[in-house]
PDB file of N, CA and C in Angstrom:
ATOM      1  N   MET A   1    -157.740 -46.374-133.404  1.00  0.00           N
ATOM      2  CA  MET A   1    -156.715 -46.873-132.854  1.00  0.00           C
ATOM      3  C   MET A   1    -157.125 -48.384-132.273  1.00  0.00           C
ATOM      4  N   SER A   2    -158.301 -48.413-131.634  1.00  0.00           N
ATOM      5  CA  SER A   2    -158.614 -49.746-131.016  1.00  0.00           C
ATOM      6  C   SER A   2    -158.752 -50.884-132.058  1.00  0.00           C
ATOM      7  N   GLU A   3    -159.125 -50.424-133.148  1.00  0.00           N
ATOM      8  CA  GLU A   3    -159.477 -51.325-134.397  1.00  0.00           C
ATOM      9  C   GLU A   3    -158.043 -51.986-134.825  1.00  0.00           C
ATOM     10  N   LYS A   4    -156.930 -51.158-134.886  1.00  0.00           N
ATOM     11  CA  LYS A   4    -155.724 -51.525-135.189  1.00  0.00           C
ATOM     12  C   LYS A   4    -155.146 -52.503-134.110  1.00  0.00           C
ATOM     13  N   LEU A   5    -155.410 -52.304-132.938  1.00  0.00           N
ATOM     14  CA  LEU A   5    -154.991 -53.073-131.753  1.00  0.00           C
ATOM     15  C   LEU A   5    -155.604 -54.382-131.964  1.00  0.00           C
ATOM     16  N   LYS A   6    -157.023 -54.446-132.151  1.00  0.00           N
ATOM     17  CA  LYS A   6    -157.734 -55.709-132.209  1.00  0.00           C
ATOM     18  C   LYS A   6    -157.187 -56.437-133.464  1.00  0.00           C
ATOM     19  N   SER A   7    -157.076 -55.740-134.441  1.00  0.00           N
ATOM     20  CA  SER A   7    -156.510 -56.514-135.733  1.00  0.00           C
ATOM     21  C   SER A   7    -155.023 -57.135-135.422  1.00  0.00           C
ATOM     22  N   LEU A   8    -154.181 -56.327-134.731  1.00  0.00           N
ATOM     23  CA  LEU A   8    -152.907 -56.875-134.397  1.00  0.00           C
ATOM     24  C   LEU A   8    -153.092 -58.043-133.422  1.00  0.00           C
ATOM     25  N   TRP A   9    -153.843 -58.121-132.445  1.00  0.00           N
ATOM     26  CA  TRP A   9    -154.074 -59.190-131.471  1.00  0.00           C
ATOM     27  C   TRP A   9    -154.656 -60.312-132.402  1.00  0.00           C
ATOM     28  N   ASN A  10    -155.570 -60.122-133.270  1.00  0.00           N
ATOM     29  CA  ASN A  10    -156.024 -61.322-134.051  1.00  0.00           C
ATOM     30  C   ASN A  10    -154.995 -61.945-134.757  1.00  0.00           C
ATOM     31  N   SER A  11    -154.256 -61.127-135.419  1.00  0.00           N
ATOM     32  CA  SER A  11    -153.068 -61.743-136.246  1.00  0.00           C
ATOM     33  C   SER A  11    -152.071 -62.442-135.364  1.00  0.00           C
ATOM     34  N   ILE A  12    -151.714 -61.802-134.076  1.00  0.00           N
ATOM     35  CA  ILE A  12    -150.717 -62.651-133.186  1.00  0.00           C
ATOM     36  C   ILE A  12    -151.498 -63.933-132.873  1.00  0.00           C
ATOM     37  N   ARG A  13    -152.726 -63.980-132.529  1.00  0.00           N
ATOM     38  CA  ARG A  13    -153.344 -65.232-132.081  1.00  0.00           C
ATOM     39  C   ARG A  13    -153.407 -66.187-133.123  1.00  0.00           C
ATOM     40  N   ASN A  14    -153.729 -65.689-134.448  1.00  0.00           N
ATOM     41  CA  ASN A  14    -153.701 -66.752-135.568  1.00  0.00           C
ATOM     42  C   ASN A  14    -152.264 -67.320-135.720  1.00  0.00           C
ATOM     43  N   ILE A  15    -151.165 -66.495-135.680  1.00  0.00           N
ATOM     44  CA  ILE A  15    -149.822 -67.012-135.845  1.00  0.00           C
ATOM     45  C   ILE A  15    -149.484 -67.982-134.727  1.00  0.00           C
ATOM     46  N   LEU A  16    -149.909 -67.708-133.431  1.00  0.00           N
ATOM     47  CA  LEU A  16    -149.577 -68.606-132.344  1.00  0.00           C
ATOM     48  C   LEU A  16    -150.320 -69.858-132.418  1.00  0.00           C
ATOM     49  N   SER A  17    -151.658 -69.733-132.977  1.00  0.00           N
ATOM     50  CA  SER A  17    -152.381 -71.043-132.946  1.00  0.00           C
ATOM     51  C   SER A  17    -151.789 -72.003-134.097  1.00  0.00           C
ATOM     52  N   LEU A  18    -151.119 -71.307-135.297  1.00  0.00           N
ATOM     53  CA  LEU A  18    -150.571 -72.136-136.218  1.00  0.00           C
ATOM     54  C   LEU A  18    -149.252 -72.732-135.759  1.00  0.00           C
ATOM     55  N   ALA A  19    -148.514 -72.013-134.880  1.00  0.00           N
ATOM     56  CA  ALA A  19    -147.197 -72.554-134.479  1.00  0.00           C
ATOM     57  C   ALA A  19    -147.221 -73.816-133.922  1.00  0.00           C
ATOM     58  N   ILE A  20    -146.206 -74.794-134.085  1.00  0.00           N
ATOM     59  CA  ILE A  20    -146.160 -76.042-133.351  1.00  0.00           C
ATOM     60  C   ILE A  20    -144.695 -76.167-132.905  1.00  0.00           C
ATOM     61  N   LYS A  21    -144.575 -76.923-131.999  1.00  0.00           N
ATOM     62  CA  LYS A  21    -143.315 -77.242-131.393  1.00  0.00           C
ATOM     63  C   LYS A  21    -142.691 -78.154-132.373  1.00  0.00           C
ATOM     64  N   PRO A  22    -141.294 -77.750-132.575  1.00  0.00           N
ATOM     65  CA  PRO A  22    -140.546 -78.349-133.632  1.00  0.00           C
ATOM     66  C   PRO A  22    -140.116 -79.784-132.952  1.00  0.00           C
ATOM     67  N   THR A  23    -139.808 -80.772-133.954  1.00  0.00           N
ATOM     68  CA  THR A  23    -139.455 -82.085-133.499  1.00  0.00           C
ATOM     69  C   THR A  23    -137.938 -82.123-133.117  1.00  0.00           C
ATOM     70  N   LYS A  24    -137.437 -83.059-132.484  1.00  0.00           N
ATOM     71  CA  LYS A  24    -136.031 -83.013-132.096  1.00  0.00           C
ATOM     72  C   LYS A  24    -135.153 -82.804-133.259  1.00  0.00           C
ATOM     73  N   GLU A  25    -135.428 -83.544-134.526  1.00  0.00           N
ATOM     74  CA  GLU A  25    -134.721 -83.610-135.566  1.00  0.00           C
ATOM     75  C   GLU A  25    -134.683 -82.150-136.242  1.00  0.00           C
ATOM     76  N   GLU A  26    -136.011 -81.513-136.254  1.00  0.00           N
ATOM     77  CA  GLU A  26    -135.853 -80.193-136.799  1.00  0.00           C
ATOM     78  C   GLU A  26    -135.186 -79.111-135.939  1.00  0.00           C
ATOM     79  N   PHE A  27    -135.270 -79.303-134.587  1.00  0.00           N
ATOM     80  CA  PHE A  27    -134.487 -78.441-133.723  1.00  0.00           C
ATOM     81  C   PHE A  27    -133.027 -78.533-133.935  1.00  0.00           C
ATOM     82  N   ASN A  28    -132.643 -79.862-134.019  1.00  0.00           N
ATOM     83  CA  ASN A  28    -131.223 -79.932-134.281  1.00  0.00           C
ATOM     84  C   ASN A  28    -130.650 -79.494-135.662  1.00  0.00           C
ATOM     85  N   LEU A  29    -131.511 -79.667-136.625  1.00  0.00           N
ATOM     86  CA  LEU A  29    -131.191 -78.975-137.972  1.00  0.00           C
ATOM     87  C   LEU A  29    -130.950 -77.441-137.862  1.00  0.00           C
ATOM     88  N   MET A  30    -132.082 -76.900-137.261  1.00  0.00           N
ATOM     89  CA  MET A  30    -131.927 -75.410-136.953  1.00  0.00           C
ATOM     90  C   MET A  30    -130.700 -74.955-136.199  1.00  0.00           C
ATOM     91  N   PHE A  31    -130.402 -75.790-135.210  1.00  0.00           N
ATOM     92  CA  PHE A  31    -129.304 -75.491-134.335  1.00  0.00           C
ATOM     93  C   PHE A  31    -127.960 -75.559-135.230  1.00  0.00           C
ATOM     94  N   LYS A  32    -127.906 -76.493-135.962  1.00  0.00           N
ATOM     95  CA  LYS A  32    -126.689 -76.737-137.014  1.00  0.00           C
ATOM     96  C   LYS A  32    -126.726 -75.493-137.853  1.00  0.00           C
ATOM     97  N   ILE A  33    -127.575 -75.312-138.407  1.00  0.00           N
ATOM     98  CA  ILE A  33    -127.586 -74.083-139.554  1.00  0.00           C
ATOM     99  C   ILE A  33    -127.237 -72.855-138.887  1.00  0.00           C
ATOM    100  N   VAL A  34    -127.871 -72.423-137.659  1.00  0.00           N
ATOM    101  CA  VAL A  34    -127.549 -71.224-136.954  1.00  0.00           C
ATOM    102  C   VAL A  34    -126.079 -71.165-136.547  1.00  0.00           C
ATOM    103  N   GLY A  35    -125.615 -72.366-136.074  1.00  0.00           N
ATOM    104  CA  GLY A  35    -124.223 -72.593-135.694  1.00  0.00           C
ATOM    105  C   GLY A  35    -123.205 -72.255-136.807  1.00  0.00           C
ATOM    106  N   VAL A  36    -123.489 -72.918-138.021  1.00  0.00           N
ATOM    107  CA  VAL A  36    -122.844 -72.628-139.095  1.00  0.00           C
ATOM    108  C   VAL A  36    -122.660 -71.259-139.651  1.00  0.00           C
ATOM    109  N   GLY A  37    -123.802 -70.577-139.420  1.00  0.00           N
ATOM    110  CA  GLY A  37    -123.927 -69.028-139.914  1.00  0.00           C
ATOM    111  C   GLY A  37    -123.077 -68.430-138.862  1.00  0.00           C
ATOM    112  N   PHE A  38    -123.210 -68.486-137.594  1.00  0.00           N
ATOM    113  CA  PHE A  38    -122.355 -67.889-136.592  1.00  0.00           C
ATOM    114  C   PHE A  38    -120.859 -68.058-136.924  1.00  0.00           C
ATOM    115  N   LEU A  39    -120.484 -69.243-137.188  1.00  0.00           N
ATOM    116  CA  LEU A  39    -119.203 -69.594-137.447  1.00  0.00           C
ATOM    117  C   LEU A  39    -118.615 -68.821-138.794  1.00  0.00           C
ATOM    118  N   ILE A  40    -119.371 -68.774-139.688  1.00  0.00           N
ATOM    119  CA  ILE A  40    -119.184 -68.214-141.034  1.00  0.00           C
ATOM    120  C   ILE A  40    -119.012 -66.529-140.752  1.00  0.00           C
ATOM    121  N   VAL A  41    -119.986 -65.999-140.081  1.00  0.00           N
ATOM    122  CA  VAL A  41    -119.784 -64.540-139.829  1.00  0.00           C
ATOM    123  C   VAL A  41    -118.717 -64.280-138.780  1.00  0.00           C
ATOM    124  N   GLY A  42    -118.454 -65.049-137.792  1.00  0.00           N
ATOM    125  CA  GLY A  42    -117.529 -64.816-136.958  1.00  0.00           C
ATOM    126  C   GLY A  42    -116.036 -64.917-137.580  1.00  0.00           C
ATOM    127  N   THR A  43    -115.845 -65.912-138.282  1.00  0.00           N
ATOM    128  CA  THR A  43    -114.584 -66.146-139.023  1.00  0.00           C
ATOM    129  C   THR A  43    -114.403 -64.784-139.971  1.00  0.00           C
ATOM    130  N   TYR A  44    -115.400 -64.481-140.718  1.00  0.00           N
ATOM    131  CA  TYR A  44    -115.158 -63.248-141.644  1.00  0.00           C
ATOM    132  C   TYR A  44    -114.994 -62.103-140.765  1.00  0.00           C
ATOM    133  N   THR A  45    -115.546 -61.802-139.635  1.00  0.00           N
ATOM    134  CA  THR A  45    -115.341 -60.755-138.767  1.00  0.00           C
ATOM    135  C   THR A  45    -113.916 -60.880-138.202  1.00  0.00           C
ATOM    136  N   PHE A  46    -113.376 -61.930-137.877  1.00  0.00           N
ATOM    137  CA  PHE A  46    -112.107 -62.024-137.341  1.00  0.00           C
ATOM    138  C   PHE A  46    -110.951 -61.945-138.336  1.00  0.00           C
ATOM    139  N   VAL A  47    -111.378 -62.331-139.492  1.00  0.00           N
ATOM    140  CA  VAL A  47    -110.165 -62.014-140.594  1.00  0.00           C
ATOM    141  C   VAL A  47    -110.301 -60.583-140.896  1.00  0.00           C
ATOM    142  N   ILE A  48    -111.394 -59.867-140.956  1.00  0.00           N
ATOM    143  CA  ILE A  48    -111.419 -58.454-141.257  1.00  0.00           C
ATOM    144  C   ILE A  48    -110.601 -57.763-140.170  1.00  0.00           C
ATOM    145  N   SER A  49    -110.917 -58.028-138.889  1.00  0.00           N
ATOM    146  CA  SER A  49    -110.243 -57.379-137.821  1.00  0.00           C
ATOM    147  C   SER A  49    -108.656 -57.703-137.949  1.00  0.00           C
ATOM    148  N   LEU A  50    -108.151 -58.753-138.241  1.00  0.00           N
ATOM    149  CA  LEU A  50    -106.791 -59.040-138.238  1.00  0.00           C
ATOM    150  C   LEU A  50    -106.200 -58.305-139.380  1.00  0.00           C
ATOM    151  N   LEU A  51    -106.848 -58.225-140.590  1.00  0.00           N
ATOM    152  CA  LEU A  51    -106.514 -57.438-141.587  1.00  0.00           C
ATOM    153  C   LEU A  51    -106.502 -55.959-141.414  1.00  0.00           C
ATOM    154  N   GLY A  52    -107.535 -55.441-140.736  1.00  0.00           N
ATOM    155  CA  GLY A  52    -107.383 -54.108-140.363  1.00  0.00           C
ATOM    156  C   GLY A  52    -106.263 -53.822-139.299  1.00  0.00           C
ATOM    157  N   PHE A  53    -106.143 -54.611-138.333  1.00  0.00           N
ATOM    158  CA  PHE A  53    -104.979 -54.387-137.371  1.00  0.00           C
ATOM    159  C   PHE A  53    -103.668 -54.516-138.033  1.00  0.00           C
ATOM    160  N   GLY A  54    -103.451 -55.387-138.811  1.00  0.00           N
ATOM    161  CA  GLY A  54    -102.196 -55.631-139.476  1.00  0.00           C
ATOM    162  C   GLY A  54    -101.865 -54.436-140.281  1.00  0.00           C
ATOM    163  N   LEU A  55    -102.869 -53.961-141.144  1.00  0.00           N
ATOM    164  CA  LEU A  55    -102.526 -52.913-141.919  1.00  0.00           C
ATOM    165  C   LEU A  55    -102.319 -51.378-141.301  1.00  0.00           C
ATOM    166  N   GLN A  56    -103.165 -51.459-140.148  1.00  0.00           N
ATOM    167  CA  GLN A  56    -102.952 -50.075-139.365  1.00  0.00           C
ATOM    168  C   GLN A  56    -101.501 -50.148-138.658  1.00  0.00           C
ATOM    169  N   SER A  57    -100.943 -51.299-138.358  1.00  0.00           N
ATOM    170  CA  SER A  57     -99.657 -51.335-137.746  1.00  0.00           C
ATOM    171  C   SER A  57     -98.485 -50.783-138.680  1.00  0.00           C
ATOM    172  N   ILE A  58     -98.679 -50.839-139.946  1.00  0.00           N
ATOM    173  CA  ILE A  58     -97.667 -50.235-140.875  1.00  0.00           C
ATOM    174  C   ILE A  58     -98.009 -48.786-141.147  1.00  0.00           C
ATOM    175  N   ASN A  59     -98.785 -48.259-140.306  1.00  0.00           N
ATOM    176  CA  ASN A  59     -98.953 -46.701-140.339  1.00  0.00           C
ATOM    177  C   ASN A  59     -99.484 -46.177-141.714  1.00  0.00           C
ATOM    178  N   ILE A  60    -100.310 -46.807-142.435  1.00  0.00           N
ATOM    179  CA  ILE A  60    -100.994 -46.310-143.528  1.00  0.00           C
ATOM    180  C   ILE A  60    -102.434 -46.157-143.262  1.00  0.00           C
ATOM    181  N   SER A  61    -102.960 -44.946-143.299  1.00  0.00           N
ATOM    182  CA  SER A  61    -104.299 -44.739-142.745  1.00  0.00           C
ATOM    183  C   SER A  61    -105.199 -45.266-143.758  1.00  0.00           C
ATOM    184  N   SER A  62    -105.287 -45.104-145.066  1.00  0.00           N
ATOM    185  CA  SER A  62    -106.261 -45.505-145.800  1.00  0.00           C
ATOM    186  C   SER A  62    -106.265 -46.860-146.270  1.00  0.00           C
ATOM    187  N   VAL A  63    -105.269 -47.609-146.036  1.00  0.00           N
ATOM    188  CA  VAL A  63    -105.194 -48.953-146.762  1.00  0.00           C
ATOM    189  C   VAL A  63    -106.215 -49.854-146.090  1.00  0.00           C
ATOM    190  N   PRO A  64    -106.424 -49.934-144.664  1.00  0.00           N
ATOM    191  CA  PRO A  64    -107.339 -50.726-144.013  1.00  0.00           C
ATOM    192  C   PRO A  64    -108.657 -50.690-144.767  1.00  0.00           C
ATOM    193  N   GLN A  65    -109.229 -49.436-144.900  1.00  0.00           N
ATOM    194  CA  GLN A  65    -110.530 -49.391-145.505  1.00  0.00           C
ATOM    195  C   GLN A  65    -110.694 -49.946-146.887  1.00  0.00           C
ATOM    196  N   ILE A  66    -109.560 -49.658-147.782  1.00  0.00           N
ATOM    197  CA  ILE A  66    -109.427 -50.217-149.081  1.00  0.00           C
ATOM    198  C   ILE A  66    -109.371 -51.695-149.107  1.00  0.00           C
ATOM    199  N   ALA A  67    -108.580 -52.330-148.198  1.00  0.00           N
ATOM    200  CA  ALA A  67    -108.375 -53.705-148.076  1.00  0.00           C
ATOM    201  C   ALA A  67    -109.638 -54.366-147.674  1.00  0.00           C
ATOM    202  N   ILE A  68    -110.447 -53.762-146.747  1.00  0.00           N
ATOM    203  CA  ILE A  68    -111.542 -54.280-146.189  1.00  0.00           C
ATOM    204  C   ILE A  68    -112.684 -54.399-147.416  1.00  0.00           C
ATOM    205  N   LEU A  69    -112.700 -53.330-148.047  1.00  0.00           N
ATOM    206  CA  LEU A  69    -113.583 -53.160-149.246  1.00  0.00           C
ATOM    207  C   LEU A  69    -113.384 -54.319-150.283  1.00  0.00           C
ATOM    208  N   ILE A  70    -112.102 -54.282-150.727  1.00  0.00           N
ATOM    209  CA  ILE A  70    -111.630 -55.313-151.736  1.00  0.00           C
ATOM    210  C   ILE A  70    -111.997 -56.727-151.216  1.00  0.00           C
ATOM    211  N   PHE A  71    -111.646 -56.967-149.942  1.00  0.00           N
ATOM    212  CA  PHE A  71    -111.942 -58.415-149.366  1.00  0.00           C
ATOM    213  C   PHE A  71    -113.278 -58.733-149.320  1.00  0.00           C
ATOM    214  N   THR A  72    -114.262 -57.733-149.122  1.00  0.00           N
ATOM    215  CA  THR A  72    -115.671 -57.783-149.027  1.00  0.00           C
ATOM    216  C   THR A  72    -116.190 -58.012-150.410  1.00  0.00           C
ATOM    217  N   VAL A  73    -115.647 -57.328-151.483  1.00  0.00           N
ATOM    218  CA  VAL A  73    -116.157 -57.497-152.805  1.00  0.00           C
ATOM    219  C   VAL A  73    -115.808 -58.905-153.253  1.00  0.00           C
ATOM    220  N   VAL A  74    -114.403 -59.302-152.979  1.00  0.00           N
ATOM    221  CA  VAL A  74    -114.096 -60.613-153.404  1.00  0.00           C
ATOM    222  C   VAL A  74    -114.954 -61.792-152.746  1.00  0.00           C
ATOM    223  N   ILE A  75    -115.221 -61.479-151.461  1.00  0.00           N
ATOM    224  CA  ILE A  75    -116.222 -62.644-150.865  1.00  0.00           C
ATOM    225  C   ILE A  75    -117.425 -62.551-151.636  1.00  0.00           C
ATOM    226  N   GLY A  76    -118.025 -61.389-151.936  1.00  0.00           N
ATOM    227  CA  GLY A  76    -119.321 -61.269-152.586  1.00  0.00           C
ATOM    228  C   GLY A  76    -119.359 -61.975-153.888  1.00  0.00           C
ATOM    229  N   ILE A  77    -118.364 -61.844-154.611  1.00  0.00           N
ATOM    230  CA  ILE A  77    -118.174 -62.280-156.049  1.00  0.00           C
ATOM    231  C   ILE A  77    -118.103 -63.837-155.846  1.00  0.00           C
ATOM    232  N   VAL A  78    -117.446 -64.374-155.022  1.00  0.00           N
ATOM    233  CA  VAL A  78    -117.190 -65.825-154.759  1.00  0.00           C
ATOM    234  C   VAL A  78    -118.561 -66.334-154.485  1.00  0.00           C
ATOM    235  N   LEU A  79    -119.301 -65.863-153.571  1.00  0.00           N
ATOM    236  CA  LEU A  79    -120.514 -66.281-153.343  1.00  0.00           C
ATOM    237  C   LEU A  79    -121.671 -66.206-154.351  1.00  0.00           C
ATOM    238  N   LEU A  80    -121.562 -65.116-155.153  1.00  0.00           N
ATOM    239  CA  LEU A  80    -122.411 -65.070-156.331  1.00  0.00           C
ATOM    240  C   LEU A  80    -121.980 -66.112-157.284  1.00  0.00           C
ATOM    241  N   LEU A  81    -120.852 -66.340-157.493  1.00  0.00           N
ATOM    242  CA  LEU A  81    -120.527 -67.444-158.452  1.00  0.00           C
ATOM    243  C   LEU A  81    -120.966 -68.761-157.938  1.00  0.00           C
ATOM    244  N   TYR A  82    -120.760 -69.022-156.594  1.00  0.00           N
ATOM    245  CA  TYR A  82    -121.105 -70.310-156.076  1.00  0.00           C
ATOM    246  C   TYR A  82    -122.752 -70.409-156.309  1.00  0.00           C
ATOM    247  N   TYR A  83    -123.479 -69.390-156.005  1.00  0.00           N
ATOM    248  CA  TYR A  83    -124.892 -69.530-156.084  1.00  0.00           C
ATOM    249  C   TYR A  83    -125.304 -69.657-157.701  1.00  0.00           C
ATOM    250  N   TYR A  84    -124.672 -68.960-158.520  1.00  0.00           N
ATOM    251  CA  TYR A  84    -124.902 -69.121-159.981  1.00  0.00           C
ATOM    252  C   TYR A  84    -124.558 -70.658-160.459  1.00  0.00           C
ATOM    253  N   GLY A  85    -123.461 -71.045-159.937  1.00  0.00           N
ATOM    254  CA  GLY A  85    -123.068 -72.449-160.403  1.00  0.00           C
ATOM    255  C   GLY A  85    -123.926 -73.586-159.792  1.00  0.00           C
ATOM    256  N   THR A  86    -124.380 -73.251-158.620  1.00  0.00           N
ATOM    257  CA  THR A  86    -125.326 -74.226-158.118  1.00  0.00           C
ATOM    258  C   THR A  86    -126.749 -74.253-158.789  1.00  0.00           C
ATOM    259  N   ARG A  87    -127.080 -72.982-159.145  1.00  0.00           N
ATOM    260  CA  ARG A  87    -128.585 -72.790-159.815  1.00  0.00           C
ATOM    261  C   ARG A  87    -128.387 -73.523-161.316  1.00  0.00           C
ATOM    262  N   LYS A  88    -127.343 -73.422-161.990  1.00  0.00           N
ATOM    263  CA  LYS A  88    -127.092 -73.989-163.260  1.00  0.00           C
ATOM    264  C   LYS A  88    -126.574 -75.346-163.260  1.00  0.00           C
ATOM    265  N   ARG A  89    -126.342 -75.728-162.015  1.00  0.00           N
ATOM    266  CA  ARG A  89    -125.892 -77.182-161.906  1.00  0.00           C
ATOM    267  C   ARG A  89    -124.478 -77.449-162.433  1.00  0.00           C
ATOM    268  N   ILE A  90    -123.652 -76.503-162.420  1.00  0.00           N
ATOM    269  CA  ILE A  90    -122.393 -76.587-162.968  1.00  0.00           C
ATOM    270  C   ILE A  90    -121.529 -77.401-161.876  1.00  0.00           C
ATOM    271  N   TRP A  91    -121.702 -77.180-160.666  1.00  0.00           N
ATOM    272  CA  TRP A  91    -121.066 -77.982-159.646  1.00  0.00           C
ATOM    273  C   TRP A  91    -121.890 -78.335-158.664  1.00  0.00           C
TER     274      TRP A  91
END
Protein backbone atom coordinates (compact mmCIF):
# COMPACT_ATOMS: atom_id res chain seq x y z
CA MET A 1 0.00 0.00 0.00
CA SER A 2 2.71 2.46 0.92
CA GLU A 3 4.59 1.59 -2.28
CA LYS A 4 1.52 2.53 -4.34
CA LEU A 5 1.19 5.84 -2.48
CA LYS A 6 4.88 6.57 -2.97
CA SER A 7 4.57 5.80 -6.69
CA LEU A 8 1.48 8.00 -6.93
CA TRP A 9 3.23 10.85 -5.14
CA ASN A 10 6.26 10.57 -7.46
CA SER A 11 3.97 10.64 -10.49
CA ILE A 12 2.15 13.73 -9.21
CA ARG A 13 5.46 15.45 -8.44
CA ASN A 14 6.81 14.66 -11.93
CA ILE A 15 3.69 16.04 -13.61
CA LEU A 16 3.78 19.21 -11.51
CA SER A 17 7.47 19.73 -12.27
CA LEU A 18 6.72 19.57 -16.00
CA ALA A 19 3.74 21.91 -15.82
CA ILE A 20 4.30 25.50 -16.82
CA LYS A 21 2.11 28.56 -16.61
CA PRO A 22 0.45 29.26 -19.97
CA THR A 23 1.22 32.47 -21.78
CA LYS A 24 -1.48 35.06 -22.23
CA GLU A 25 -2.05 33.96 -25.85
CA GLU A 26 -2.36 30.29 -24.84
CA PHE A 27 -4.77 31.17 -22.05
CA ASN A 28 -6.92 33.29 -24.37
CA LEU A 29 -6.99 30.49 -26.96
CA MET A 30 -8.03 27.90 -24.35
CA PHE A 31 -10.67 30.31 -23.05
CA LYS A 32 -12.10 30.78 -26.55
CA ILE A 33 -12.12 27.03 -27.26
CA VAL A 34 -13.89 26.23 -23.99
CA GLY A 35 -16.35 29.09 -24.58
CA VAL A 36 -17.23 27.82 -28.05
CA GLY A 37 -17.66 24.31 -26.62
CA PHE A 38 -20.03 25.61 -23.95
CA LEU A 39 -21.98 27.54 -26.57
CA ILE A 40 -22.34 24.48 -28.80
CA VAL A 41 -23.39 22.16 -25.97
CA GLY A 42 -25.71 24.80 -24.48
CA THR A 43 -27.38 25.49 -27.82
CA TYR A 44 -27.83 21.79 -28.46
CA THR A 45 -29.34 21.28 -25.02
CA PHE A 46 -31.64 24.27 -25.45
CA VAL A 47 -32.91 23.01 -28.81
CA ILE A 48 -33.49 19.52 -27.38
CA SER A 49 -35.44 21.04 -24.45
CA LEU A 50 -37.56 23.18 -26.76
CA LEU A 51 -38.23 20.23 -29.03
CA GLY A 52 -39.21 17.99 -26.13
CA PHE A 53 -41.41 20.65 -24.53
CA GLY A 54 -43.15 21.43 -27.80
CA LEU A 55 -43.84 17.79 -28.56
CA GLN A 56 -45.08 17.08 -25.04
CA SER A 57 -47.55 19.94 -25.33
CA ILE A 58 -49.36 18.11 -28.16
CA ASN A 59 -49.96 15.20 -25.76
CA ILE A 60 -48.12 12.41 -27.56
CA SER A 61 -45.96 10.59 -25.04
CA SER A 62 -43.54 8.66 -27.28
CA VAL A 63 -42.83 11.40 -29.82
CA PRO A 64 -40.34 13.45 -27.75
CA GLN A 65 -37.99 10.49 -27.24
CA ILE A 66 -38.14 9.55 -30.91
CA ALA A 67 -37.65 13.15 -32.02
CA ILE A 68 -34.67 13.60 -29.71
CA LEU A 69 -33.14 10.37 -30.97
CA ILE A 70 -33.61 11.39 -34.61
CA PHE A 71 -32.24 14.87 -33.93
CA THR A 72 -29.18 13.43 -32.16
CA VAL A 73 -28.54 10.95 -34.99
CA VAL A 74 -28.80 13.73 -37.60
CA ILE A 75 -26.36 15.92 -35.66
CA GLY A 76 -23.97 12.96 -35.34
CA ILE A 77 -24.12 12.21 -39.07
CA VAL A 78 -23.49 15.86 -39.94
CA LEU A 79 -20.47 15.98 -37.61
CA LEU A 80 -19.10 12.72 -39.06
CA LEU A 81 -19.52 14.02 -42.61
CA TYR A 82 -17.79 17.26 -41.67
CA TYR A 83 -14.92 15.35 -40.06
CA TYR A 84 -14.62 13.07 -43.10
CA GLY A 85 -14.67 16.05 -45.46
CA THR A 86 -11.95 17.89 -43.59
CA ARG A 87 -9.77 14.76 -43.40
CA LYS A 88 -10.09 14.14 -47.15
CA ARG A 89 -9.73 17.88 -47.88
CA ILE A 90 -13.07 18.00 -49.67
CA TRP A 91 -13.95 21.33 -48.06
